[in-house]
Structure formats: C-alpha cells, structure tokens
PDB file of N, CA and C in Angstrom:
ATOM      1  N   MET A   1      -2.890 -55.769   8.772  1.00  0.00           N
ATOM      2  CA  MET A   1      -1.586 -56.336   9.029  1.00  0.00           C
ATOM      3  C   MET A   1      -0.698 -55.245   9.631  1.00  0.00           C
ATOM      4  N   PRO A   2      -0.033 -55.531  10.768  1.00  0.00           N
ATOM      5  CA  PRO A   2       0.815 -54.520  11.409  1.00  0.00           C
ATOM      6  C   PRO A   2       2.064 -54.210  10.571  1.00  0.00           C
ATOM      7  N   VAL A   3       2.603 -53.020  10.754  1.00  0.00           N
ATOM      8  CA  VAL A   3       3.832 -52.613  10.076  1.00  0.00           C
ATOM      9  C   VAL A   3       4.998 -52.930  11.006  1.00  0.00           C
ATOM     10  N   TYR A   4       6.025 -53.608  10.456  1.00  0.00           N
ATOM     11  CA  TYR A   4       7.179 -53.996  11.250  1.00  0.00           C
ATOM     12  C   TYR A   4       8.383 -53.138  10.895  1.00  0.00           C
ATOM     13  N   LYS A   5       9.258 -52.984  11.850  1.00  0.00           N
ATOM     14  CA  LYS A   5      10.476 -52.215  11.635  1.00  0.00           C
ATOM     15  C   LYS A   5      11.332 -52.851  10.548  1.00  0.00           C
ATOM     16  N   PHE A   6      11.395 -54.183  10.543  1.00  0.00           N
ATOM     17  CA  PHE A   6      12.191 -54.909   9.556  1.00  0.00           C
ATOM     18  C   PHE A   6      11.234 -55.583   8.573  1.00  0.00           C
ATOM     19  N   GLN A   7      11.083 -54.987   7.414  1.00  0.00           N
ATOM     20  CA  GLN A   7      10.095 -55.455   6.440  1.00  0.00           C
ATOM     21  C   GLN A   7      10.378 -56.856   5.918  1.00  0.00           C
ATOM     22  N   SER A   8      11.641 -57.304   5.970  1.00  0.00           N
ATOM     23  CA  SER A   8      11.964 -58.632   5.448  1.00  0.00           C
ATOM     24  C   SER A   8      11.671 -59.737   6.468  1.00  0.00           C
ATOM     25  N   CYS A   9      11.273 -59.378   7.676  1.00  0.00           N
ATOM     26  CA  CYS A   9      10.951 -60.365   8.710  1.00  0.00           C
ATOM     27  C   CYS A   9       9.482 -60.761   8.633  1.00  0.00           C
ATOM     28  N   VAL A  10       9.232 -62.029   8.896  1.00  0.00           N
ATOM     29  CA  VAL A  10       7.865 -62.556   8.851  1.00  0.00           C
ATOM     30  C   VAL A  10       7.531 -63.169  10.202  1.00  0.00           C
ATOM     31  N   ASN A  11       6.394 -62.813  10.745  1.00  0.00           N
ATOM     32  CA  ASN A  11       5.896 -63.431  11.962  1.00  0.00           C
ATOM     33  C   ASN A  11       5.131 -64.682  11.553  1.00  0.00           C
ATOM     34  N   VAL A  12       5.779 -65.829  11.719  1.00  0.00           N
ATOM     35  CA  VAL A  12       5.216 -67.089  11.255  1.00  0.00           C
ATOM     36  C   VAL A  12       3.893 -67.397  11.961  1.00  0.00           C
ATOM     37  N   GLY A  13       3.779 -66.990  13.205  1.00  0.00           N
ATOM     38  CA  GLY A  13       2.560 -67.255  13.954  1.00  0.00           C
ATOM     39  C   GLY A  13       1.311 -66.657  13.328  1.00  0.00           C
ATOM     40  N   GLN A  14       1.485 -65.609  12.531  1.00  0.00           N
ATOM     41  CA  GLN A  14       0.343 -64.995  11.858  1.00  0.00           C
ATOM     42  C   GLN A  14      -0.110 -65.803  10.646  1.00  0.00           C
ATOM     43  N   HIS A  15       0.737 -66.713  10.174  1.00  0.00           N
ATOM     44  CA  HIS A  15       0.437 -67.444   8.951  1.00  0.00           C
ATOM     45  C   HIS A  15       0.144 -68.925   9.179  1.00  0.00           C
ATOM     46  N   CYS A  16       0.564 -69.438  10.311  1.00  0.00           N
ATOM     47  CA  CYS A  16       0.307 -70.850  10.625  1.00  0.00           C
ATOM     48  C   CYS A  16      -0.906 -70.939  11.542  1.00  0.00           C
ATOM     49  N   GLU A  17      -1.769 -71.855  11.232  1.00  0.00           N
ATOM     50  CA  GLU A  17      -3.003 -71.995  12.014  1.00  0.00           C
ATOM     51  C   GLU A  17      -2.865 -72.975  13.166  1.00  0.00           C
ATOM     52  N   SER A  18      -1.757 -73.729  13.197  1.00  0.00           N
ATOM     53  CA  SER A  18      -1.605 -74.725  14.258  1.00  0.00           C
ATOM     54  C   SER A  18      -0.136 -75.008  14.512  1.00  0.00           C
ATOM     55  N   MET A  19       0.128 -75.639  15.632  1.00  0.00           N
ATOM     56  CA  MET A  19       1.484 -76.068  15.967  1.00  0.00           C
ATOM     57  C   MET A  19       1.987 -77.060  14.921  1.00  0.00           C
ATOM     58  N   TYR A  20       1.103 -77.891  14.430  1.00  0.00           N
ATOM     59  CA  TYR A  20       1.464 -78.867  13.397  1.00  0.00           C
ATOM     60  C   TYR A  20       2.028 -78.168  12.155  1.00  0.00           C
ATOM     61  N   GLN A  21       1.396 -77.088  11.731  1.00  0.00           N
ATOM     62  CA  GLN A  21       1.888 -76.342  10.575  1.00  0.00           C
ATOM     63  C   GLN A  21       3.251 -75.717  10.855  1.00  0.00           C
ATOM     64  N   GLU A  22       3.455 -75.234  12.086  1.00  0.00           N
ATOM     65  CA  GLU A  22       4.757 -74.678  12.440  1.00  0.00           C
ATOM     66  C   GLU A  22       5.836 -75.752  12.413  1.00  0.00           C
ATOM     67  N   LEU A  23       5.504 -76.948  12.873  1.00  0.00           N
ATOM     68  CA  LEU A  23       6.466 -78.052  12.841  1.00  0.00           C
ATOM     69  C   LEU A  23       6.806 -78.446  11.412  1.00  0.00           C
ATOM     70  N   ILE A  24       5.817 -78.447  10.546  1.00  0.00           N
ATOM     71  CA  ILE A  24       6.071 -78.742   9.129  1.00  0.00           C
ATOM     72  C   ILE A  24       7.019 -77.692   8.555  1.00  0.00           C
ATOM     73  N   LEU A  25       6.768 -76.437   8.850  1.00  0.00           N
ATOM     74  CA  LEU A  25       7.638 -75.368   8.366  1.00  0.00           C
ATOM     75  C   LEU A  25       9.063 -75.568   8.895  1.00  0.00           C
ATOM     76  N   MET A  26       9.204 -75.835  10.178  1.00  0.00           N
ATOM     77  CA  MET A  26      10.528 -76.047  10.773  1.00  0.00           C
ATOM     78  C   MET A  26      11.255 -77.215  10.107  1.00  0.00           C
ATOM     79  N   SER A  27      10.525 -78.238   9.758  1.00  0.00           N
ATOM     80  CA  SER A  27      11.155 -79.421   9.161  1.00  0.00           C
ATOM     81  C   SER A  27      11.734 -79.138   7.781  1.00  0.00           C
ATOM     82  N   HIS A  28      11.351 -78.023   7.166  1.00  0.00           N
ATOM     83  CA  HIS A  28      11.850 -77.664   5.842  1.00  0.00           C
ATOM     84  C   HIS A  28      13.024 -76.672   5.892  1.00  0.00           C
ATOM     85  N   LEU A  29      13.400 -76.246   7.075  1.00  0.00           N
ATOM     86  CA  LEU A  29      14.492 -75.289   7.207  1.00  0.00           C
ATOM     87  C   LEU A  29      15.844 -75.980   7.043  1.00  0.00           C
ATOM     88  N   ASP A  30      16.803 -75.272   6.483  1.00  0.00           N
ATOM     89  CA  ASP A  30      18.181 -75.778   6.430  1.00  0.00           C
ATOM     90  C   ASP A  30      18.823 -75.711   7.807  1.00  0.00           C
ATOM     91  N   VAL A  31      18.502 -74.665   8.543  1.00  0.00           N
ATOM     92  CA  VAL A  31      18.999 -74.465   9.901  1.00  0.00           C
ATOM     93  C   VAL A  31      18.083 -73.458  10.590  1.00  0.00           C
ATOM     94  N   MET A  32      17.975 -73.585  11.899  1.00  0.00           N
ATOM     95  CA  MET A  32      17.162 -72.632  12.666  1.00  0.00           C
ATOM     96  C   MET A  32      18.055 -71.970  13.706  1.00  0.00           C
ATOM     97  N   LEU A  33      17.928 -70.670  13.858  1.00  0.00           N
ATOM     98  CA  LEU A  33      18.617 -69.921  14.897  1.00  0.00           C
ATOM     99  C   LEU A  33      17.622 -69.689  16.018  1.00  0.00           C
ATOM    100  N   SER A  34      18.033 -70.032  17.240  1.00  0.00           N
ATOM    101  CA  SER A  34      17.122 -69.910  18.369  1.00  0.00           C
ATOM    102  C   SER A  34      17.915 -69.656  19.638  1.00  0.00           C
ATOM    103  N   MET A  35      17.255 -69.065  20.598  1.00  0.00           N
ATOM    104  CA  MET A  35      17.814 -69.019  21.938  1.00  0.00           C
ATOM    105  C   MET A  35      17.407 -70.331  22.625  1.00  0.00           C
ATOM    106  N   ASP A  36      17.778 -70.490  23.868  1.00  0.00           N
ATOM    107  CA  ASP A  36      17.335 -71.638  24.656  1.00  0.00           C
ATOM    108  C   ASP A  36      15.833 -71.461  24.862  1.00  0.00           C
ATOM    109  N   SER A  37      15.029 -72.097  24.002  1.00  0.00           N
ATOM    110  CA  SER A  37      13.586 -71.876  24.048  1.00  0.00           C
ATOM    111  C   SER A  37      12.836 -73.088  23.528  1.00  0.00           C
ATOM    112  N   ALA A  38      11.543 -73.023  23.608  1.00  0.00           N
ATOM    113  CA  ALA A  38      10.704 -74.114  23.108  1.00  0.00           C
ATOM    114  C   ALA A  38      10.927 -74.339  21.623  1.00  0.00           C
ATOM    115  N   ASN A  39      11.146 -73.259  20.860  1.00  0.00           N
ATOM    116  CA  ASN A  39      11.355 -73.426  19.418  1.00  0.00           C
ATOM    117  C   ASN A  39      12.600 -74.243  19.114  1.00  0.00           C
ATOM    118  N   MET A  40      13.638 -74.133  19.933  1.00  0.00           N
ATOM    119  CA  MET A  40      14.829 -74.960  19.770  1.00  0.00           C
ATOM    120  C   MET A  40      14.444 -76.434  19.889  1.00  0.00           C
ATOM    121  N   HIS A  41      13.621 -76.755  20.855  1.00  0.00           N
ATOM    122  CA  HIS A  41      13.210 -78.144  21.084  1.00  0.00           C
ATOM    123  C   HIS A  41      12.273 -78.639  19.984  1.00  0.00           C
ATOM    124  N   LEU A  42      11.377 -77.797  19.542  1.00  0.00           N
ATOM    125  CA  LEU A  42      10.460 -78.190  18.473  1.00  0.00           C
ATOM    126  C   LEU A  42      11.209 -78.451  17.177  1.00  0.00           C
ATOM    127  N   ALA A  43      12.135 -77.574  16.822  1.00  0.00           N
ATOM    128  CA  ALA A  43      12.934 -77.792  15.609  1.00  0.00           C
ATOM    129  C   ALA A  43      13.784 -79.047  15.747  1.00  0.00           C
ATOM    130  N   SER A  44      14.307 -79.299  16.936  1.00  0.00           N
ATOM    131  CA  SER A  44      15.097 -80.510  17.177  1.00  0.00           C
ATOM    132  C   SER A  44      14.266 -81.763  16.938  1.00  0.00           C
ATOM    133  N   LEU A  45      13.018 -81.721  17.326  1.00  0.00           N
ATOM    134  CA  LEU A  45      12.139 -82.880  17.125  1.00  0.00           C
ATOM    135  C   LEU A  45      11.886 -83.166  15.648  1.00  0.00           C
ATOM    136  N   THR A  46      12.060 -82.151  14.801  1.00  0.00           N
ATOM    137  CA  THR A  46      11.874 -82.356  13.364  1.00  0.00           C
ATOM    138  C   THR A  46      13.197 -82.681  12.673  1.00  0.00           C
ATOM    139  N   ALA A  47      14.261 -82.891  13.460  1.00  0.00           N
ATOM    140  CA  ALA A  47      15.606 -83.201  12.965  1.00  0.00           C
ATOM    141  C   ALA A  47      16.219 -82.039  12.179  1.00  0.00           C
ATOM    142  N   THR A  48      15.785 -80.834  12.474  1.00  0.00           N
ATOM    143  CA  THR A  48      16.335 -79.635  11.858  1.00  0.00           C
ATOM    144  C   THR A  48      17.545 -79.187  12.677  1.00  0.00           C
ATOM    145  N   PRO A  49      18.680 -78.907  12.038  1.00  0.00           N
ATOM    146  CA  PRO A  49      19.816 -78.384  12.796  1.00  0.00           C
ATOM    147  C   PRO A  49      19.455 -77.048  13.435  1.00  0.00           C
ATOM    148  N   VAL A  50      19.839 -76.884  14.696  1.00  0.00           N
ATOM    149  CA  VAL A  50      19.547 -75.653  15.425  1.00  0.00           C
ATOM    150  C   VAL A  50      20.841 -75.059  15.954  1.00  0.00           C
ATOM    151  N   VAL A  51      21.095 -73.813  15.601  1.00  0.00           N
ATOM    152  CA  VAL A  51      22.165 -73.055  16.229  1.00  0.00           C
ATOM    153  C   VAL A  51      21.502 -72.313  17.382  1.00  0.00           C
ATOM    154  N   SER A  52      21.900 -72.663  18.599  1.00  0.00           N
ATOM    155  CA  SER A  52      21.258 -72.081  19.777  1.00  0.00           C
ATOM    156  C   SER A  52      22.221 -71.137  20.486  1.00  0.00           C
ATOM    157  N   VAL A  53      21.701 -70.008  20.939  1.00  0.00           N
ATOM    158  CA  VAL A  53      22.481 -68.992  21.628  1.00  0.00           C
ATOM    159  C   VAL A  53      22.135 -69.058  23.109  1.00  0.00           C
ATOM    160  N   TRP A  54      23.177 -69.209  23.927  1.00  0.00           N
ATOM    161  CA  TRP A  54      23.005 -69.414  25.367  1.00  0.00           C
ATOM    162  C   TRP A  54      23.610 -68.256  26.142  1.00  0.00           C
ATOM    163  N   GLY A  55      22.815 -67.668  27.014  1.00  0.00           N
ATOM    164  CA  GLY A  55      23.277 -66.574  27.865  1.00  0.00           C
ATOM    165  C   GLY A  55      23.341 -67.021  29.309  1.00  0.00           C
ATOM    166  N   ALA A  56      22.343 -66.656  30.072  1.00  0.00           N
ATOM    167  CA  ALA A  56      22.317 -66.976  31.501  1.00  0.00           C
ATOM    168  C   ALA A  56      22.184 -68.472  31.758  1.00  0.00           C
ATOM    169  N   THR A  57      21.548 -69.170  30.841  1.00  0.00           N
ATOM    170  CA  THR A  57      21.359 -70.606  30.990  1.00  0.00           C
ATOM    171  C   THR A  57      22.572 -71.348  30.414  1.00  0.00           C
ATOM    172  N   HIS A  58      22.570 -72.661  30.502  1.00  0.00           N
ATOM    173  CA  HIS A  58      23.705 -73.454  30.021  1.00  0.00           C
ATOM    174  C   HIS A  58      23.190 -74.786  29.488  1.00  0.00           C
ATOM    175  N   PRO A  59      23.698 -75.253  28.340  1.00  0.00           N
ATOM    176  CA  PRO A  59      23.217 -76.517  27.775  1.00  0.00           C
ATOM    177  C   PRO A  59      23.401 -77.708  28.712  1.00  0.00           C
ATOM    178  N   LEU A  60      24.426 -77.677  29.552  1.00  0.00           N
ATOM    179  CA  LEU A  60      24.676 -78.798  30.460  1.00  0.00           C
ATOM    180  C   LEU A  60      23.704 -78.849  31.631  1.00  0.00           C
ATOM    181  N   ALA A  61      22.833 -77.848  31.744  1.00  0.00           N
ATOM    182  CA  ALA A  61      21.809 -77.860  32.795  1.00  0.00           C
ATOM    183  C   ALA A  61      20.656 -78.796  32.433  1.00  0.00           C
ATOM    184  N   GLY A  62      20.722 -79.400  31.244  1.00  0.00           N
ATOM    185  CA  GLY A  62      19.722 -80.393  30.869  1.00  0.00           C
ATOM    186  C   GLY A  62      18.699 -79.933  29.864  1.00  0.00           C
ATOM    187  N   PHE A  63      18.898 -78.769  29.272  1.00  0.00           N
ATOM    188  CA  PHE A  63      17.893 -78.235  28.356  1.00  0.00           C
ATOM    189  C   PHE A  63      18.391 -78.104  26.923  1.00  0.00           C
ATOM    190  N   PHE A  64      19.412 -78.871  26.550  1.00  0.00           N
ATOM    191  CA  PHE A  64      19.945 -78.781  25.199  1.00  0.00           C
ATOM    192  C   PHE A  64      19.014 -79.495  24.229  1.00  0.00           C
ATOM    193  N   GLY A  65      18.979 -79.028  22.988  1.00  0.00           N
ATOM    194  CA  GLY A  65      18.103 -79.608  21.973  1.00  0.00           C
ATOM    195  C   GLY A  65      18.436 -81.071  21.689  1.00  0.00           C
ATOM    196  N   PHE A  66      17.429 -81.890  21.540  1.00  0.00           N
ATOM    197  CA  PHE A  66      17.564 -83.325  21.297  1.00  0.00           C
ATOM    198  C   PHE A  66      18.372 -83.598  20.030  1.00  0.00           C
ATOM    199  N   ASN A  67      19.415 -84.393  20.171  1.00  0.00           N
ATOM    200  CA  ASN A  67      20.273 -84.814  19.055  1.00  0.00           C
ATOM    201  C   ASN A  67      20.987 -83.668  18.343  1.00  0.00           C
ATOM    202  N   GLN A  68      21.140 -82.547  18.990  1.00  0.00           N
ATOM    203  CA  GLN A  68      21.879 -81.428  18.395  1.00  0.00           C
ATOM    204  C   GLN A  68      23.359 -81.569  18.753  1.00  0.00           C
ATOM    205  N   PRO A  69      24.258 -81.304  17.794  1.00  0.00           N
ATOM    206  CA  PRO A  69      25.686 -81.361  18.122  1.00  0.00           C
ATOM    207  C   PRO A  69      26.095 -80.213  19.043  1.00  0.00           C
ATOM    208  N   ARG A  70      26.994 -80.478  19.951  1.00  0.00           N
ATOM    209  CA  ARG A  70      27.430 -79.473  20.941  1.00  0.00           C
ATOM    210  C   ARG A  70      27.995 -78.216  20.288  1.00  0.00           C
ATOM    211  N   GLU A  71      28.624 -78.376  19.111  1.00  0.00           N
ATOM    212  CA  GLU A  71      29.214 -77.201  18.474  1.00  0.00           C
ATOM    213  C   GLU A  71      28.159 -76.219  17.969  1.00  0.00           C
ATOM    214  N   ASN A  72      26.900 -76.621  17.978  1.00  0.00           N
ATOM    215  CA  ASN A  72      25.815 -75.707  17.586  1.00  0.00           C
ATOM    216  C   ASN A  72      25.348 -74.828  18.735  1.00  0.00           C
ATOM    217  N   ALA A  73      25.865 -75.072  19.929  1.00  0.00           N
ATOM    218  CA  ALA A  73      25.537 -74.237  21.088  1.00  0.00           C
ATOM    219  C   ALA A  73      26.534 -73.094  21.147  1.00  0.00           C
ATOM    220  N   ILE A  74      26.073 -71.887  20.901  1.00  0.00           N
ATOM    221  CA  ILE A  74      26.936 -70.703  20.910  1.00  0.00           C
ATOM    222  C   ILE A  74      26.858 -70.081  22.303  1.00  0.00           C
ATOM    223  N   GLN A  75      28.029 -69.979  22.936  1.00  0.00           N
ATOM    224  CA  GLN A  75      28.073 -69.468  24.302  1.00  0.00           C
ATOM    225  C   GLN A  75      29.480 -69.001  24.631  1.00  0.00           C
ATOM    226  N   VAL A  76      29.612 -68.263  25.713  1.00  0.00           N
ATOM    227  CA  VAL A  76      30.920 -67.872  26.232  1.00  0.00           C
ATOM    228  C   VAL A  76      31.067 -68.457  27.625  1.00  0.00           C
ATOM    229  N   ASP A  77      32.292 -68.848  27.942  1.00  0.00           N
ATOM    230  CA  ASP A  77      32.561 -69.394  29.269  1.00  0.00           C
ATOM    231  C   ASP A  77      32.781 -68.263  30.261  1.00  0.00           C
ATOM    232  N   LEU A  78      31.958 -68.230  31.273  1.00  0.00           N
ATOM    233  CA  LEU A  78      32.082 -67.257  32.358  1.00  0.00           C
ATOM    234  C   LEU A  78      31.869 -67.994  33.673  1.00  0.00           C
ATOM    235  N   ASP A  79      32.586 -67.577  34.701  1.00  0.00           N
ATOM    236  CA  ASP A  79      32.452 -68.216  36.017  1.00  0.00           C
ATOM    237  C   ASP A  79      31.048 -68.093  36.589  1.00  0.00           C
ATOM    238  N   CYS A  80      30.317 -67.079  36.178  1.00  0.00           N
ATOM    239  CA  CYS A  80      28.983 -66.828  36.739  1.00  0.00           C
ATOM    240  C   CYS A  80      27.882 -67.623  36.037  1.00  0.00           C
ATOM    241  N   ARG A  81      28.210 -68.355  34.974  1.00  0.00           N
ATOM    242  CA  ARG A  81      27.202 -69.132  34.234  1.00  0.00           C
ATOM    243  C   ARG A  81      27.151 -70.559  34.735  1.00  0.00           C
ATOM    244  N   PRO A  82      25.975 -71.127  34.804  1.00  0.00           N
ATOM    245  CA  PRO A  82      24.672 -70.491  34.605  1.00  0.00           C
ATOM    246  C   PRO A  82      24.266 -69.699  35.838  1.00  0.00           C
ATOM    247  N   CYS A  83      23.751 -68.533  35.614  1.00  0.00           N
ATOM    248  CA  CYS A  83      23.263 -67.728  36.740  1.00  0.00           C
ATOM    249  C   CYS A  83      21.758 -67.902  36.898  1.00  0.00           C
ATOM    250  N   SER A  84      21.147 -68.560  35.919  1.00  0.00           N
ATOM    251  CA  SER A  84      19.712 -68.805  35.971  1.00  0.00           C
ATOM    252  C   SER A  84      19.413 -70.075  35.182  1.00  0.00           C
ATOM    253  N   ILE A  85      18.828 -71.040  35.823  1.00  0.00           N
ATOM    254  CA  ILE A  85      18.507 -72.288  35.134  1.00  0.00           C
ATOM    255  C   ILE A  85      17.411 -72.066  34.098  1.00  0.00           C
ATOM    256  N   PHE A  86      16.470 -71.201  34.390  1.00  0.00           N
ATOM    257  CA  PHE A  86      15.352 -70.960  33.470  1.00  0.00           C
ATOM    258  C   PHE A  86      15.452 -69.625  32.735  1.00  0.00           C
ATOM    259  N   GLY A  87      16.545 -68.881  32.911  1.00  0.00           N
ATOM    260  CA  GLY A  87      16.742 -67.627  32.203  1.00  0.00           C
ATOM    261  C   GLY A  87      15.841 -66.499  32.663  1.00  0.00           C
ATOM    262  N   ASN A  88      15.360 -66.568  33.890  1.00  0.00           N
ATOM    263  CA  ASN A  88      14.398 -65.576  34.354  1.00  0.00           C
ATOM    264  C   ASN A  88      14.937 -64.672  35.472  1.00  0.00           C
ATOM    265  N   LYS A  89      16.265 -64.627  35.653  1.00  0.00           N
ATOM    266  CA  LYS A  89      16.847 -63.786  36.700  1.00  0.00           C
ATOM    267  C   LYS A  89      17.697 -62.692  36.066  1.00  0.00           C
ATOM    268  N   PRO A  90      17.760 -61.535  36.723  1.00  0.00           N
ATOM    269  CA  PRO A  90      18.589 -60.446  36.176  1.00  0.00           C
ATOM    270  C   PRO A  90      20.074 -60.791  36.292  1.00  0.00           C
ATOM    271  N   CYS A  91      20.880 -60.156  35.466  1.00  0.00           N
ATOM    272  CA  CYS A  91      22.328 -60.367  35.453  1.00  0.00           C
ATOM    273  C   CYS A  91      22.941 -59.829  36.749  1.00  0.00           C
ATOM    274  N   LYS A  92      23.659 -60.689  37.468  1.00  0.00           N
ATOM    275  CA  LYS A  92      24.298 -60.259  38.720  1.00  0.00           C
ATOM    276  C   LYS A  92      25.448 -59.299  38.459  1.00  0.00           C
ATOM    277  N   ARG A  93      26.107 -59.452  37.318  1.00  0.00           N
ATOM    278  CA  ARG A  93      27.215 -58.558  36.962  1.00  0.00           C
ATOM    279  C   ARG A  93      26.700 -57.221  36.456  1.00  0.00           C
ATOM    280  N   GLY A  94      25.499 -57.220  35.881  1.00  0.00           N
ATOM    281  CA  GLY A  94      24.908 -55.999  35.355  1.00  0.00           C
ATOM    282  C   GLY A  94      25.312 -55.663  33.929  1.00  0.00           C
ATOM    283  N   ASP A  95      26.099 -56.535  33.282  1.00  0.00           N
ATOM    284  CA  ASP A  95      26.566 -56.206  31.936  1.00  0.00           C
ATOM    285  C   ASP A  95      26.161 -57.233  30.874  1.00  0.00           C
ATOM    286  N   TYR A  96      25.495 -58.290  31.268  1.00  0.00           N
ATOM    287  CA  TYR A  96      25.065 -59.354  30.351  1.00  0.00           C
ATOM    288  C   TYR A  96      26.202 -59.790  29.424  1.00  0.00           C
ATOM    289  N   ALA A  97      27.390 -59.962  30.030  1.00  0.00           N
ATOM    290  CA  ALA A  97      28.566 -60.394  29.269  1.00  0.00           C
ATOM    291  C   ALA A  97      28.324 -61.737  28.591  1.00  0.00           C
ATOM    292  N   CYS A  98      27.475 -62.554  29.181  1.00  0.00           N
ATOM    293  CA  CYS A  98      27.187 -63.878  28.609  1.00  0.00           C
ATOM    294  C   CYS A  98      26.593 -63.768  27.207  1.00  0.00           C
ATOM    295  N   LEU A  99      25.925 -62.686  26.912  1.00  0.00           N
ATOM    296  CA  LEU A  99      25.376 -62.448  25.572  1.00  0.00           C
ATOM    297  C   LEU A  99      26.176 -61.396  24.809  1.00  0.00           C
ATOM    298  N   ASN A 100      26.537 -60.318  25.485  1.00  0.00           N
ATOM    299  CA  ASN A 100      27.246 -59.226  24.816  1.00  0.00           C
ATOM    300  C   ASN A 100      28.634 -59.616  24.320  1.00  0.00           C
ATOM    301  N   ASN A 101      29.228 -60.659  24.903  1.00  0.00           N
ATOM    302  CA  ASN A 101      30.567 -61.090  24.493  1.00  0.00           C
ATOM    303  C   ASN A 101      30.536 -62.138  23.382  1.00  0.00           C
ATOM    304  N   ILE A 102      29.377 -62.455  22.865  1.00  0.00           N
ATOM    305  CA  ILE A 102      29.276 -63.363  21.725  1.00  0.00           C
ATOM    306  C   ILE A 102      29.313 -62.517  20.456  1.00  0.00           C
ATOM    307  N   PRO A 103      30.371 -62.674  19.661  1.00  0.00           N
ATOM    308  CA  PRO A 103      30.414 -61.901  18.411  1.00  0.00           C
ATOM    309  C   PRO A 103      29.355 -62.410  17.430  1.00  0.00           C
ATOM    310  N   PRO A 104      28.567 -61.527  16.849  1.00  0.00           N
ATOM    311  CA  PRO A 104      27.556 -61.962  15.880  1.00  0.00           C
ATOM    312  C   PRO A 104      28.166 -62.784  14.740  1.00  0.00           C
ATOM    313  N   GLU A 105      29.412 -62.479  14.385  1.00  0.00           N
ATOM    314  CA  GLU A 105      30.080 -63.209  13.308  1.00  0.00           C
ATOM    315  C   GLU A 105      30.219 -64.702  13.645  1.00  0.00           C
ATOM    316  N   ARG A 106      30.371 -65.004  14.917  1.00  0.00           N
ATOM    317  CA  ARG A 106      30.479 -66.409  15.344  1.00  0.00           C
ATOM    318  C   ARG A 106      29.191 -67.166  15.044  1.00  0.00           C
ATOM    319  N   ILE A 107      28.066 -66.518  15.264  1.00  0.00           N
ATOM    320  CA  ILE A 107      26.767 -67.132  14.977  1.00  0.00           C
ATOM    321  C   ILE A 107      26.604 -67.321  13.473  1.00  0.00           C
ATOM    322  N   VAL A 108      26.939 -66.286  12.723  1.00  0.00           N
ATOM    323  CA  VAL A 108      26.828 -66.355  11.260  1.00  0.00           C
ATOM    324  C   VAL A 108      27.737 -67.443  10.705  1.00  0.00           C
ATOM    325  N   GLU A 109      28.956 -67.555  11.224  1.00  0.00           N
ATOM    326  CA  GLU A 109      29.889 -68.591  10.769  1.00  0.00           C
ATOM    327  C   GLU A 109      29.326 -69.996  11.003  1.00  0.00           C
ATOM    328  N   ARG A 110      28.716 -70.199  12.152  1.00  0.00           N
ATOM    329  CA  ARG A 110      28.168 -71.531  12.454  1.00  0.00           C
ATOM    330  C   ARG A 110      27.006 -71.840  11.517  1.00  0.00           C
ATOM    331  N   ILE A 111      26.117 -70.875  11.316  1.00  0.00           N
ATOM    332  CA  ILE A 111      24.982 -71.077  10.406  1.00  0.00           C
ATOM    333  C   ILE A 111      25.490 -71.368   8.994  1.00  0.00           C
ATOM    334  N   THR A 112      26.463 -70.594   8.555  1.00  0.00           N
ATOM    335  CA  THR A 112      27.026 -70.764   7.217  1.00  0.00           C
ATOM    336  C   THR A 112      27.648 -72.144   7.054  1.00  0.00           C
ATOM    337  N   SER A 113      28.350 -72.608   8.070  1.00  0.00           N
ATOM    338  CA  SER A 113      28.984 -73.921   7.978  1.00  0.00           C
ATOM    339  C   SER A 113      27.948 -75.041   7.867  1.00  0.00           C
ATOM    340  N   ILE A 114      26.832 -74.882   8.524  1.00  0.00           N
ATOM    341  CA  ILE A 114      25.767 -75.889   8.432  1.00  0.00           C
ATOM    342  C   ILE A 114      25.133 -75.861   7.034  1.00  0.00           C
ATOM    343  N   ILE A 115      24.862 -74.671   6.538  1.00  0.00           N
ATOM    344  CA  ILE A 115      24.242 -74.549   5.220  1.00  0.00           C
ATOM    345  C   ILE A 115      25.164 -75.095   4.120  1.00  0.00           C
ATOM    346  N   ASN A 116      26.466 -74.851   4.270  1.00  0.00           N
ATOM    347  CA  ASN A 116      27.414 -75.284   3.235  1.00  0.00           C
ATOM    348  C   ASN A 116      27.748 -76.772   3.298  1.00  0.00           C
ATOM    349  N   ASN A 117      27.356 -77.439   4.334  1.00  0.00           N
ATOM    350  CA  ASN A 117      27.612 -78.888   4.422  1.00  0.00           C
ATOM    351  C   ASN A 117      26.404 -79.595   3.982  1.00  0.00           C
TER     352      ASN A 117
END
C-alpha cells in the first residue's frame, strides 16, 4: 500500500472493485465535493448533494450535475469565463483567478449548510 502525504485521505478506487460499488458508496454520502467532473455526475445520479467547484468551465455551458441546486455551484464571476468548455485550456490571464479567488471558507460553508439541513 502506498504512503500518502495526507494519512486521513483514502483512495476509494483502491477499495472498490467496480463502478457499481463506487455508486453505492456515493449514495451513502451526506454531500460530495467535486470539481466539474464525472464524479459530480455520478453522485448526482445517486441523488447525493454535490458541491461543485467551477473554474475555467461554467455550469451554464450544459455540464451541471443533474437535479443539483444552483447554489451548490461554487464559482466567481469573471468576464473571461468560461475560457474553456472542457477545462483543458491554459488560463489566458495567467493567474487562475477563477479558482484562486474562491475562498475555501465559502466551500466549507456550503458543505456545512447541506450537512446541517
């Protein structure tokens, strides 16, 4: 078993033998934190609340999680967004303000509000 920098983190892929098992695990979560990714969509399919973090991409581009409330999309408004529909282009500004300007406390507050409801 590899040694990780953060001992409290678990790589679920090492413990689940199939996508089905990962979906079962996701369905038992109170909330899932994800970027705009396949895991956001998979958790959405299990009706798990997802707090999604959006940088270069944008939920209005058509890739928002199924049945997720808009307030769960954490993002900052910038004139340059979306600069990449698929998130695969470098930052034109060079500072990744779309991610760096999101206070971590905002993400924690949203997760906390979901857990407490």
